[in-house]
């Protein structure tokens, strides 16, 4: 995750380069360090350096890293001719390199030659089964073809090896949600919460899934995770506040006075509704009447 300081530094460097103040190499290094794409800027600044012999030579061994970085950016920008040219340069320097082989497979993928790309990736994995990038490219390739079941299969295989990759768990959860496979999505978010219990987004996403699954037990659990989200964000998460109100209303409708926690349910709903009204008065006063009408429809009897 990129920090605010790093983001500010990136924007400052980008503006500096755009205005002719130099710093293109520093910008490219920062993009690489933060593992960002910024493909259009990387292609523009990187190809300018690589086309200047003096600037290119001054990089020393880093020249080859830049060739790789710009080749990937060129593929993102559909400048496949440039990508092919830079990969060819790398092939000339690093014979039989697995890293260059990966770039060749990515070029096949960028051209839409799915079968050939899959064959290339499979061949590379036979020699290096722990290459995370190749595993992730197979997932991306399946998604690009609209093959979500294939993406799920590859992600599950990837997570059998790299169980601590929270980005992969989140991606898998989002695919499951898109396919309305909510129980499977819930499992993914549970894994994320076990390893990252202080990230509000995971609490919120898990609560959304539990609310969607429905049932009194799931609604009570969803309410708790919405409350955790509010706690972790200092009471400033509007979606979680709405979630509390929705859960309280749904629980009241399902139990119809048979819930022993009716009073607590009603109080929590009232507190969340008050917090929402306060936030709307500050941020969007013209929408307060719409909010009030929506909240009245969710009113919980105490």
C-alpha atoms as a PDB file:
ATOM      1  CA  UNK A   1       0.000   0.000   0.000  1.00  0.00           C
ATOM      2  CA  UNK A   2       1.351   3.421  -1.005  1.00  0.00           C
ATOM      3  CA  UNK A   3       1.651   5.929   1.852  1.00  0.00           C
ATOM      4  CA  UNK A   4       0.509   9.543   1.609  1.00  0.00           C
ATOM      5  CA  UNK A   5       4.138  10.720   1.691  1.00  0.00           C
ATOM      6  CA  UNK A   6       5.109   8.392  -1.156  1.00  0.00           C
ATOM      7  CA  UNK A   7       2.073   9.433  -3.188  1.00  0.00           C
ATOM      8  CA  UNK A   8       2.944  13.123  -2.709  1.00  0.00           C
ATOM      9  CA  UNK A   9       6.535  12.445  -3.743  1.00  0.00           C
ATOM     10  CA  UNK A  10       5.352  10.615  -6.849  1.00  0.00           C
ATOM     11  CA  UNK A  11       3.011  13.446  -7.887  1.00  0.00           C
ATOM     12  CA  UNK A  12       5.733  16.045  -7.241  1.00  0.00           C
ATOM     13  CA  UNK A  13       8.249  14.159  -9.394  1.00  0.00           C
ATOM     14  CA  UNK A  14       5.667  13.593 -12.127  1.00  0.00           C
ATOM     15  CA  UNK A  15       4.862  17.319 -12.274  1.00  0.00           C
ATOM     16  CA  UNK A  16       8.551  18.155 -12.216  1.00  0.00           C
ATOM     17  CA  UNK A  17       9.302  15.904 -15.200  1.00  0.00           C
ATOM     18  CA  UNK A  18       6.233  17.104 -17.119  1.00  0.00           C
ATOM     19  CA  UNK A  19       7.355  20.711 -16.682  1.00  0.00           C
ATOM     20  CA  UNK A  20      10.888  19.992 -17.939  1.00  0.00           C
ATOM     21  CA  UNK A  21      12.551  20.053 -14.543  1.00  0.00           C
ATOM     22  CA  UNK A  22      14.275  16.669 -14.916  1.00  0.00           C
ATOM     23  CA  UNK A  23      14.025  13.744 -12.537  1.00  0.00           C
ATOM     24  CA  UNK A  24      12.695  11.186 -15.035  1.00  0.00           C
ATOM     25  CA  UNK A  25      14.998   8.427 -13.776  1.00  0.00           C
ATOM     26  CA  UNK A  26      14.123   9.145 -10.137  1.00  0.00           C
ATOM     27  CA  UNK A  27      10.428   8.971 -11.055  1.00  0.00           C
ATOM     28  CA  UNK A  28      10.862   5.620 -12.833  1.00  0.00           C
ATOM     29  CA  UNK A  29      12.784   4.211  -9.857  1.00  0.00           C
ATOM     30  CA  UNK A  30      10.063   5.315  -7.446  1.00  0.00           C
ATOM     31  CA  UNK A  31       7.316   3.765  -9.599  1.00  0.00           C
ATOM     32  CA  UNK A  32       9.275   0.512  -9.619  1.00  0.00           C
ATOM     33  CA  UNK A  33       9.946   0.650  -5.883  1.00  0.00           C
ATOM     34  CA  UNK A  34       6.265   1.197  -5.083  1.00  0.00           C
ATOM     35  CA  UNK A  35       5.290  -1.574  -7.548  1.00  0.00           C
ATOM     36  CA  UNK A  36       2.987   0.738  -9.499  1.00  0.00           C
ATOM     37  CA  UNK A  37       2.293   0.633 -13.243  1.00  0.00           C
ATOM     38  CA  UNK A  38       1.735   4.256 -14.428  1.00  0.00           C
ATOM     39  CA  UNK A  39       2.267   2.709 -17.853  1.00  0.00           C
ATOM     40  CA  UNK A  40       1.760   5.808 -20.009  1.00  0.00           C
ATOM     41  CA  UNK A  41       4.270   7.862 -18.002  1.00  0.00           C
ATOM     42  CA  UNK A  42       6.761   5.000 -17.687  1.00  0.00           C
ATOM     43  CA  UNK A  43       6.621   4.430 -21.438  1.00  0.00           C
ATOM     44  CA  UNK A  44       7.024   8.122 -22.217  1.00  0.00           C
ATOM     45  CA  UNK A  45       9.894   8.881 -19.834  1.00  0.00           C
ATOM     46  CA  UNK A  46      11.596   5.489 -20.082  1.00  0.00           C
ATOM     47  CA  UNK A  47      11.681   5.296 -23.870  1.00  0.00           C
ATOM     48  CA  UNK A  48      13.078   8.847 -23.963  1.00  0.00           C
ATOM     49  CA  UNK A  49      16.008   7.743 -21.789  1.00  0.00           C
ATOM     50  CA  UNK A  50      16.581   4.519 -23.721  1.00  0.00           C
ATOM     51  CA  UNK A  51      16.634   6.341 -27.054  1.00  0.00           C
ATOM     52  CA  UNK A  52      19.376   8.677 -25.786  1.00  0.00           C
ATOM     53  CA  UNK A  53      22.702   6.788 -25.871  1.00  0.00           C
ATOM     54  CA  UNK A  54      24.395   9.106 -23.360  1.00  0.00           C
ATOM     55  CA  UNK A  55      21.579   8.883 -20.799  1.00  0.00           C
ATOM     56  CA  UNK A  56      21.244   5.146 -21.322  1.00  0.00           C
ATOM     57  CA  UNK A  57      24.954   4.486 -20.828  1.00  0.00           C
ATOM     58  CA  UNK A  58      24.981   6.537 -17.629  1.00  0.00           C
ATOM     59  CA  UNK A  59      22.605   4.052 -16.004  1.00  0.00           C
ATOM     60  CA  UNK A  60      25.162   1.254 -15.884  1.00  0.00           C
ATOM     61  CA  UNK A  61      23.619  -2.154 -15.054  1.00  0.00           C
ATOM     62  CA  UNK A  62      20.280  -0.447 -14.332  1.00  0.00           C
ATOM     63  CA  UNK A  63      19.883  -0.006 -18.091  1.00  0.00           C
ATOM     64  CA  UNK A  64      18.589  -3.568 -18.372  1.00  0.00           C
ATOM     65  CA  UNK A  65      16.093  -3.075 -15.545  1.00  0.00           C
ATOM     66  CA  UNK A  66      14.759  -0.054 -17.406  1.00  0.00           C
ATOM     67  CA  UNK A  67      14.433  -2.041 -20.627  1.00  0.00           C
ATOM     68  CA  UNK A  68      12.287  -4.566 -18.756  1.00  0.00           C
ATOM     69  CA  UNK A  69      10.182  -1.879 -17.060  1.00  0.00           C
ATOM     70  CA  UNK A  70       9.505   0.008 -20.288  1.00  0.00           C
ATOM     71  CA  UNK A  71       8.794  -3.197 -22.240  1.00  0.00           C
ATOM     72  CA  UNK A  72       5.996  -4.042 -19.781  1.00  0.00           C
ATOM     73  CA  UNK A  73       4.672  -0.468 -19.980  1.00  0.00           C
ATOM     74  CA  UNK A  74       4.746  -0.665 -23.790  1.00  0.00           C
ATOM     75  CA  UNK A  75       2.598  -3.809 -23.670  1.00  0.00           C
ATOM     76  CA  UNK A  76       0.123  -2.042 -21.381  1.00  0.00           C
ATOM     77  CA  UNK A  77      -0.014   0.836 -23.879  1.00  0.00           C
ATOM     78  CA  UNK A  78      -0.419  -1.572 -26.816  1.00  0.00           C
ATOM     79  CA  UNK A  79       2.888  -0.462 -28.295  1.00  0.00           C
ATOM     80  CA  UNK A  80       3.760  -4.048 -29.043  1.00  0.00           C
ATOM     81  CA  UNK A  81       6.328  -3.069 -31.664  1.00  0.00           C
ATOM     82  CA  UNK A  82       8.376  -1.227 -29.043  1.00  0.00           C
ATOM     83  CA  UNK A  83       7.906  -4.024 -26.496  1.00  0.00           C
ATOM     84  CA  UNK A  84       9.159  -6.560 -29.037  1.00  0.00           C
ATOM     85  CA  UNK A  85      12.194  -4.382 -29.803  1.00  0.00           C
ATOM     86  CA  UNK A  86      13.167  -4.009 -26.136  1.00  0.00           C
ATOM     87  CA  UNK A  87      12.629  -7.700 -25.375  1.00  0.00           C
ATOM     88  CA  UNK A  88      14.895  -8.518 -28.312  1.00  0.00           C
ATOM     89  CA  UNK A  89      17.605  -6.304 -26.789  1.00  0.00           C
ATOM     90  CA  UNK A  90      17.264  -8.190 -23.499  1.00  0.00           C
ATOM     91  CA  UNK A  91      17.387 -11.541 -25.303  1.00  0.00           C
ATOM     92  CA  UNK A  92      20.686 -10.500 -26.871  1.00  0.00           C
ATOM     93  CA  UNK A  93      22.135  -9.640 -23.469  1.00  0.00           C
ATOM     94  CA  UNK A  94      20.684 -12.466 -21.370  1.00  0.00           C
ATOM     95  CA  UNK A  95      20.534 -15.728 -23.317  1.00  0.00           C
ATOM     96  CA  UNK A  96      18.137 -18.368 -21.947  1.00  0.00           C
ATOM     97  CA  UNK A  97      17.025 -16.050 -19.117  1.00  0.00           C
ATOM     98  CA  UNK A  98      13.801 -17.144 -17.402  1.00  0.00           C
ATOM     99  CA  UNK A  99      13.032 -13.495 -16.693  1.00  0.00           C
ATOM    100  CA  UNK A 100      13.257 -12.623 -20.374  1.00  0.00           C
ATOM    101  CA  UNK A 101      11.253 -15.754 -21.170  1.00  0.00           C
ATOM    102  CA  UNK A 102       8.514 -14.395 -18.949  1.00  0.00           C
ATOM    103  CA  UNK A 103       8.495 -11.169 -20.964  1.00  0.00           C
ATOM    104  CA  UNK A 104       8.187 -13.170 -24.184  1.00  0.00           C
ATOM    105  CA  UNK A 105       5.160 -14.998 -22.769  1.00  0.00           C
ATOM    106  CA  UNK A 106       3.642 -11.683 -21.701  1.00  0.00           C
ATOM    107  CA  UNK A 107       4.088 -10.379 -25.260  1.00  0.00           C
ATOM    108  CA  UNK A 108       2.196 -13.405 -26.608  1.00  0.00           C
ATOM    109  CA  UNK A 109      -0.528 -12.669 -24.066  1.00  0.00           C
ATOM    110  CA  UNK A 110      -0.656  -8.994 -25.113  1.00  0.00           C
ATOM    111  CA  UNK A 111      -1.133 -10.123 -28.721  1.00  0.00           C
ATOM    112  CA  UNK A 112      -4.081 -12.280 -27.685  1.00  0.00           C
ATOM    113  CA  UNK A 113      -2.287 -15.518 -28.496  1.00  0.00           C
ATOM    114  CA  UNK A 114      -3.731 -17.206 -25.430  1.00  0.00           C
ATOM    115  CA  UNK A 115      -2.843 -20.829 -26.214  1.00  0.00           C
ATOM    116  CA  UNK A 116       0.772 -19.963 -27.034  1.00  0.00           C
ATOM    117  CA  UNK A 117       1.083 -17.778 -23.942  1.00  0.00           C
ATOM    118  CA  UNK A 118      -0.333 -20.548 -21.722  1.00  0.00           C
ATOM    119  CA  UNK A 119       2.126 -23.024 -23.211  1.00  0.00           C
ATOM    120  CA  UNK A 120       5.005 -20.620 -22.540  1.00  0.00           C
ATOM    121  CA  UNK A 121       3.905 -20.000 -18.937  1.00  0.00           C
ATOM    122  CA  UNK A 122       3.470 -23.733 -18.290  1.00  0.00           C
ATOM    123  CA  UNK A 123       6.967 -24.396 -19.613  1.00  0.00           C
ATOM    124  CA  UNK A 124       8.436 -21.691 -17.366  1.00  0.00           C
ATOM    125  CA  UNK A 125       6.603 -23.034 -14.307  1.00  0.00           C
ATOM    126  CA  UNK A 126       8.044 -26.506 -14.871  1.00  0.00           C
ATOM    127  CA  UNK A 127      11.462 -24.983 -14.237  1.00  0.00           C
ATOM    128  CA  UNK A 128      10.403 -22.456 -11.595  1.00  0.00           C
ATOM    129  CA  UNK A 129       7.187 -23.492  -9.855  1.00  0.00           C
ATOM    130  CA  UNK A 130       7.515 -20.732  -7.223  1.00  0.00           C
ATOM    131  CA  UNK A 131       7.505 -17.831  -9.688  1.00  0.00           C
ATOM    132  CA  UNK A 132       4.674 -15.664  -8.340  1.00  0.00           C
ATOM    133  CA  UNK A 133       4.527 -13.407 -11.389  1.00  0.00           C
ATOM    134  CA  UNK A 134       3.852 -16.308 -13.759  1.00  0.00           C
ATOM    135  CA  UNK A 135       1.115 -17.700 -11.511  1.00  0.00           C
ATOM    136  CA  UNK A 136      -0.518 -14.270 -11.414  1.00  0.00           C
ATOM    137  CA  UNK A 137      -0.227 -13.838 -15.180  1.00  0.00           C
ATOM    138  CA  UNK A 138      -2.226 -17.041 -15.656  1.00  0.00           C
ATOM    139  CA  UNK A 139      -4.965 -15.620 -13.429  1.00  0.00           C
ATOM    140  CA  UNK A 140      -4.928 -12.335 -15.349  1.00  0.00           C
ATOM    141  CA  UNK A 141      -5.058 -14.176 -18.655  1.00  0.00           C
ATOM    142  CA  UNK A 142      -8.104 -16.200 -17.584  1.00  0.00           C
ATOM    143  CA  UNK A 143      -9.875 -13.022 -16.468  1.00  0.00           C
ATOM    144  CA  UNK A 144      -8.998 -11.264 -19.729  1.00  0.00           C
ATOM    145  CA  UNK A 145     -10.766 -14.067 -21.603  1.00  0.00           C
ATOM    146  CA  UNK A 146     -13.807 -13.819 -19.331  1.00  0.00           C
ATOM    147  CA  UNK A 147     -13.023 -17.242 -17.892  1.00  0.00           C
ATOM    148  CA  UNK A 148     -13.762 -16.547 -14.210  1.00  0.00           C
ATOM    149  CA  UNK A 149     -13.982 -20.230 -13.287  1.00  0.00           C
ATOM    150  CA  UNK A 150     -10.466 -20.631 -14.713  1.00  0.00           C
ATOM    151  CA  UNK A 151      -9.278 -17.592 -12.734  1.00  0.00           C
ATOM    152  CA  UNK A 152     -10.707 -19.154  -9.560  1.00  0.00           C
ATOM    153  CA  UNK A 153      -8.904 -22.408 -10.287  1.00  0.00           C
ATOM    154  CA  UNK A 154      -5.549 -20.680 -10.851  1.00  0.00           C
ATOM    155  CA  UNK A 155      -5.964 -18.462  -7.788  1.00  0.00           C
ATOM    156  CA  UNK A 156      -6.737 -21.452  -5.578  1.00  0.00           C
ATOM    157  CA  UNK A 157      -3.652 -23.256  -6.892  1.00  0.00           C
ATOM    158  CA  UNK A 158      -1.587 -20.115  -6.306  1.00  0.00           C
ATOM    159  CA  UNK A 159      -2.871 -19.760  -2.734  1.00  0.00           C
ATOM    160  CA  UNK A 160      -1.954 -23.372  -1.984  1.00  0.00           C
ATOM    161  CA  UNK A 161       1.651 -22.243  -2.431  1.00  0.00           C
ATOM    162  CA  UNK A 162       1.490 -18.572  -1.365  1.00  0.00           C
ATOM    163  CA  UNK A 163      -1.078 -18.627   1.436  1.00  0.00           C
ATOM    164  CA  UNK A 164       0.027 -15.287   2.902  1.00  0.00           C
ATOM    165  CA  UNK A 165      -0.711 -13.227  -0.230  1.00  0.00           C
ATOM    166  CA  UNK A 166      -3.592 -11.046   0.981  1.00  0.00           C
ATOM    167  CA  UNK A 167      -4.040  -9.395  -2.432  1.00  0.00           C
ATOM    168  CA  UNK A 168      -4.728 -12.812  -3.954  1.00  0.00           C
ATOM    169  CA  UNK A 169      -7.261 -13.665  -1.222  1.00  0.00           C
ATOM    170  CA  UNK A 170      -9.015 -10.362  -1.834  1.00  0.00           C
ATOM    171  CA  UNK A 171      -9.060 -10.871  -5.603  1.00  0.00           C
ATOM    172  CA  UNK A 172     -10.499 -14.359  -5.152  1.00  0.00           C
ATOM    173  CA  UNK A 173     -13.167 -12.996  -2.797  1.00  0.00           C
ATOM    174  CA  UNK A 174     -14.167 -10.322  -5.304  1.00  0.00           C
ATOM    175  CA  UNK A 175     -14.498 -12.892  -8.087  1.00  0.00           C
ATOM    176  CA  UNK A 176     -16.679 -15.079  -5.852  1.00  0.00           C
ATOM    177  CA  UNK A 177     -18.892 -12.067  -5.038  1.00  0.00           C
ATOM    178  CA  UNK A 178     -19.244 -11.253  -8.749  1.00  0.00           C
ATOM    179  CA  UNK A 179     -20.477 -14.825  -9.283  1.00  0.00           C
ATOM    180  CA  UNK A 180     -22.776 -14.635  -6.226  1.00  0.00           C
ATOM    181  CA  UNK A 181     -20.785 -17.385  -4.505  1.00  0.00           C
ATOM    182  CA  UNK A 182     -21.075 -15.657  -1.143  1.00  0.00           C
ATOM    183  CA  UNK A 183     -20.135 -18.544   1.158  1.00  0.00           C
ATOM    184  CA  UNK A 184     -16.843 -18.963  -0.690  1.00  0.00           C
ATOM    185  CA  UNK A 185     -16.268 -15.199  -0.570  1.00  0.00           C
ATOM    186  CA  UNK A 186     -16.919 -15.239   3.186  1.00  0.00           C
ATOM    187  CA  UNK A 187     -14.206 -17.868   3.638  1.00  0.00           C
ATOM    188  CA  UNK A 188     -11.709 -15.642   1.782  1.00  0.00           C
ATOM    189  CA  UNK A 189     -12.522 -12.628   3.950  1.00  0.00           C
ATOM    190  CA  UNK A 190     -12.180 -14.773   7.076  1.00  0.00           C
ATOM    191  CA  UNK A 191      -8.649 -15.657   5.959  1.00  0.00           C
ATOM    192  CA  UNK A 192      -7.909 -11.956   5.426  1.00  0.00           C
ATOM    193  CA  UNK A 193      -9.270 -10.993   8.843  1.00  0.00           C
ATOM    194  CA  UNK A 194      -7.175 -13.658  10.560  1.00  0.00           C
ATOM    195  CA  UNK A 195      -3.978 -12.233   9.111  1.00  0.00           C
ATOM    196  CA  UNK A 196      -4.959  -8.531   8.951  1.00  0.00           C
ATOM    197  CA  UNK A 197      -7.466  -7.872  11.768  1.00  0.00           C
ATOM    198  CA  UNK A 198      -6.949  -4.084  11.808  1.00  0.00           C
ATOM    199  CA  UNK A 199      -7.772  -3.304   8.158  1.00  0.00           C
ATOM    200  CA  UNK A 200     -11.267  -1.726   8.059  1.00  0.00           C
ATOM    201  CA  UNK A 201     -11.908  -2.677   4.425  1.00  0.00           C
ATOM    202  CA  UNK A 202     -11.786  -6.397   5.231  1.00  0.00           C
ATOM    203  CA  UNK A 203     -14.254  -6.008   8.112  1.00  0.00           C
ATOM    204  CA  UNK A 204     -16.564  -3.995   5.864  1.00  0.00           C
ATOM    205  CA  UNK A 205     -16.390  -6.415   2.931  1.00  0.00           C
ATOM    206  CA  UNK A 206     -16.985  -9.416   5.199  1.00  0.00           C
ATOM    207  CA  UNK A 207     -19.972  -7.651   6.766  1.00  0.00           C
ATOM    208  CA  UNK A 208     -21.413  -6.955   3.296  1.00  0.00           C
ATOM    209  CA  UNK A 209     -21.145 -10.643   2.403  1.00  0.00           C
ATOM    210  CA  UNK A 210     -22.751 -11.759   5.678  1.00  0.00           C
ATOM    211  CA  UNK A 211     -25.601  -9.281   5.212  1.00  0.00           C
ATOM    212  CA  UNK A 212     -26.144 -10.564   1.669  1.00  0.00           C
ATOM    213  CA  UNK A 213     -26.241 -14.171   2.891  1.00  0.00           C
ATOM    214  CA  UNK A 214     -29.005 -13.172   5.308  1.00  0.00           C
ATOM    215  CA  UNK A 215     -30.502 -15.078   8.213  1.00  0.00           C
ATOM    216  CA  UNK A 216     -30.583 -13.853  11.821  1.00  0.00           C
ATOM    217  CA  UNK A 217     -27.213 -15.335  12.750  1.00  0.00           C
ATOM    218  CA  UNK A 218     -25.417 -13.852   9.735  1.00  0.00           C
ATOM    219  CA  UNK A 219     -27.137 -10.488  10.258  1.00  0.00           C
ATOM    220  CA  UNK A 220     -25.963 -10.339  13.871  1.00  0.00           C
ATOM    221  CA  UNK A 221     -22.434 -11.183  12.744  1.00  0.00           C
ATOM    222  CA  UNK A 222     -22.615  -8.583   9.946  1.00  0.00           C
ATOM    223  CA  UNK A 223     -23.708  -5.968  12.474  1.00  0.00           C
ATOM    224  CA  UNK A 224     -20.656  -6.738  14.622  1.00  0.00           C
ATOM    225  CA  UNK A 225     -18.271  -6.394  11.676  1.00  0.00           C
ATOM    226  CA  UNK A 226     -19.910  -3.144  10.565  1.00  0.00           C
ATOM    227  CA  UNK A 227     -19.427  -1.918  14.141  1.00  0.00           C
ATOM    228  CA  UNK A 228     -15.760  -2.978  14.012  1.00  0.00           C
ATOM    229  CA  UNK A 229     -15.350  -1.002  10.795  1.00  0.00           C
ATOM    230  CA  UNK A 230     -16.816   2.084  12.468  1.00  0.00           C
ATOM    231  CA  UNK A 231     -14.506   1.603  15.437  1.00  0.00           C
ATOM    232  CA  UNK A 232     -11.404   1.210  13.235  1.00  0.00           C
ATOM    233  CA  UNK A 233     -12.245   4.310  11.170  1.00  0.00           C
ATOM    234  CA  UNK A 234     -13.084   6.591  14.083  1.00  0.00           C
ATOM    235  CA  UNK A 235     -16.795   6.542  13.301  1.00  0.00           C
ATOM    236  CA  UNK A 236     -16.335   7.949   9.813  1.00  0.00           C
ATOM    237  CA  UNK A 237     -17.372   5.091   7.551  1.00  0.00           C
ATOM    238  CA  UNK A 238     -20.740   5.982   6.009  1.00  0.00           C
ATOM    239  CA  UNK A 239     -21.220   2.578   4.401  1.00  0.00           C
ATOM    240  CA  UNK A 240     -20.739   0.799   7.729  1.00  0.00           C
ATOM    241  CA  UNK A 241     -23.209   3.148   9.447  1.00  0.00           C
ATOM    242  CA  UNK A 242     -25.787   2.352   6.765  1.00  0.00           C
ATOM    243  CA  UNK A 243     -24.932  -1.333   7.246  1.00  0.00           C
ATOM    244  CA  UNK A 244     -25.772  -1.138  10.961  1.00  0.00           C
ATOM    245  CA  UNK A 245     -29.162   0.398  10.149  1.00  0.00           C
ATOM    246  CA  UNK A 246     -29.922  -2.211   7.496  1.00  0.00           C
ATOM    247  CA  UNK A 247     -28.924  -5.096   9.777  1.00  0.00           C
ATOM    248  CA  UNK A 248     -30.947  -3.750  12.695  1.00  0.00           C
ATOM    249  CA  UNK A 249     -34.011  -3.330  10.481  1.00  0.00           C
ATOM    250  CA  UNK A 250     -33.650  -6.808   8.933  1.00  0.00           C
ATOM    251  CA  UNK A 251     -33.192  -8.446  12.343  1.00  0.00           C
ATOM    252  CA  UNK A 252     -36.271  -6.684  13.683  1.00  0.00           C
ATOM    253  CA  UNK A 253     -38.354  -7.856  10.733  1.00  0.00           C
ATOM    254  CA  UNK A 254     -37.167 -11.460  11.029  1.00  0.00           C
ATOM    255  CA  UNK A 255     -37.572 -11.793  14.794  1.00  0.00           C
ATOM    256  CA  UNK A 256     -40.679  -9.585  15.241  1.00  0.00           C
ATOM    257  CA  UNK A 257     -40.227  -9.014  18.949  1.00  0.00           C
ATOM    258  CA  UNK A 258     -38.770 -12.447  19.676  1.00  0.00           C
ATOM    259  CA  UNK A 259     -35.210 -11.107  19.831  1.00  0.00           C
ATOM    260  CA  UNK A 260     -33.908 -10.766  23.397  1.00  0.00           C
ATOM    261  CA  UNK A 261     -31.509  -8.050  22.209  1.00  0.00           C
ATOM    262  CA  UNK A 262     -34.297  -5.845  20.800  1.00  0.00           C
ATOM    263  CA  UNK A 263     -33.348  -2.885  23.001  1.00  0.00           C
ATOM    264  CA  UNK A 264     -29.679  -3.050  22.079  1.00  0.00           C
ATOM    265  CA  UNK A 265     -30.602  -3.467  18.403  1.00  0.00           C
ATOM    266  CA  UNK A 266     -32.815  -0.370  18.517  1.00  0.00           C
ATOM    267  CA  UNK A 267     -30.197   1.723  20.358  1.00  0.00           C
ATOM    268  CA  UNK A 268     -27.473   0.794  17.892  1.00  0.00           C
ATOM    269  CA  UNK A 269     -29.765   1.693  14.995  1.00  0.00           C
ATOM    270  CA  UNK A 270     -30.560   5.060  16.596  1.00  0.00           C
ATOM    271  CA  UNK A 271     -26.889   5.868  17.204  1.00  0.00           C
ATOM    272  CA  UNK A 272     -25.935   4.965  13.625  1.00  0.00           C
ATOM    273  CA  UNK A 273     -28.844   6.974  12.199  1.00  0.00           C
ATOM    274  CA  UNK A 274     -27.847  10.009  14.286  1.00  0.00           C
ATOM    275  CA  UNK A 275     -24.230   9.713  13.123  1.00  0.00           C
ATOM    276  CA  UNK A 276     -25.391   9.533   9.493  1.00  0.00           C
ATOM    277  CA  UNK A 277     -27.617  12.581   9.848  1.00  0.00           C
ATOM    278  CA  UNK A 278     -24.776  14.546  11.424  1.00  0.00           C
ATOM    279  CA  UNK A 279     -22.383  13.558   8.629  1.00  0.00           C
ATOM    280  CA  UNK A 280     -24.901  14.461   5.918  1.00  0.00           C
ATOM    281  CA  UNK A 281     -25.618  17.856   7.506  1.00  0.00           C
ATOM    282  CA  UNK A 282     -21.902  18.627   7.344  1.00  0.00           C
ATOM    283  CA  UNK A 283     -21.032  17.120   3.973  1.00  0.00           C
ATOM    284  CA  UNK A 284     -24.235  17.122   1.928  1.00  0.00           C
ATOM    285  CA  UNK A 285     -27.008  19.189   3.568  1.00  0.00           C
ATOM    286  CA  UNK A 286     -29.225  19.103   0.456  1.00  0.00           C
ATOM    287  CA  UNK A 287     -29.526  15.297   0.814  1.00  0.00           C
ATOM    288  CA  UNK A 288     -30.582  15.254   4.485  1.00  0.00           C
ATOM    289  CA  UNK A 289     -34.290  14.984   3.650  1.00  0.00           C
ATOM    290  CA  UNK A 290     -33.624  12.010   1.365  1.00  0.00           C
ATOM    291  CA  UNK A 291     -31.561  10.358   4.100  1.00  0.00           C
ATOM    292  CA  UNK A 292     -34.270  10.976   6.725  1.00  0.00           C
ATOM    293  CA  UNK A 293     -36.887   9.400   4.486  1.00  0.00           C
ATOM    294  CA  UNK A 294     -34.674   6.335   3.893  1.00  0.00           C
ATOM    295  CA  UNK A 295     -33.956   5.944   7.608  1.00  0.00           C
ATOM    296  CA  UNK A 296     -37.665   6.205   8.505  1.00  0.00           C
ATOM    297  CA  UNK A 297     -38.350   3.260   6.211  1.00  0.00           C
ATOM    298  CA  UNK A 298     -35.797   1.280   8.241  1.00  0.00           C
ATOM    299  CA  UNK A 299     -37.136   2.303  11.634  1.00  0.00           C
ATOM    300  CA  UNK A 300     -36.737  -0.327  14.328  1.00  0.00           C
ATOM    301  CA  UNK A 301     -39.309  -0.626  17.081  1.00  0.00           C
ATOM    302  CA  UNK A 302     -37.858  -0.717  20.546  1.00  0.00           C
END
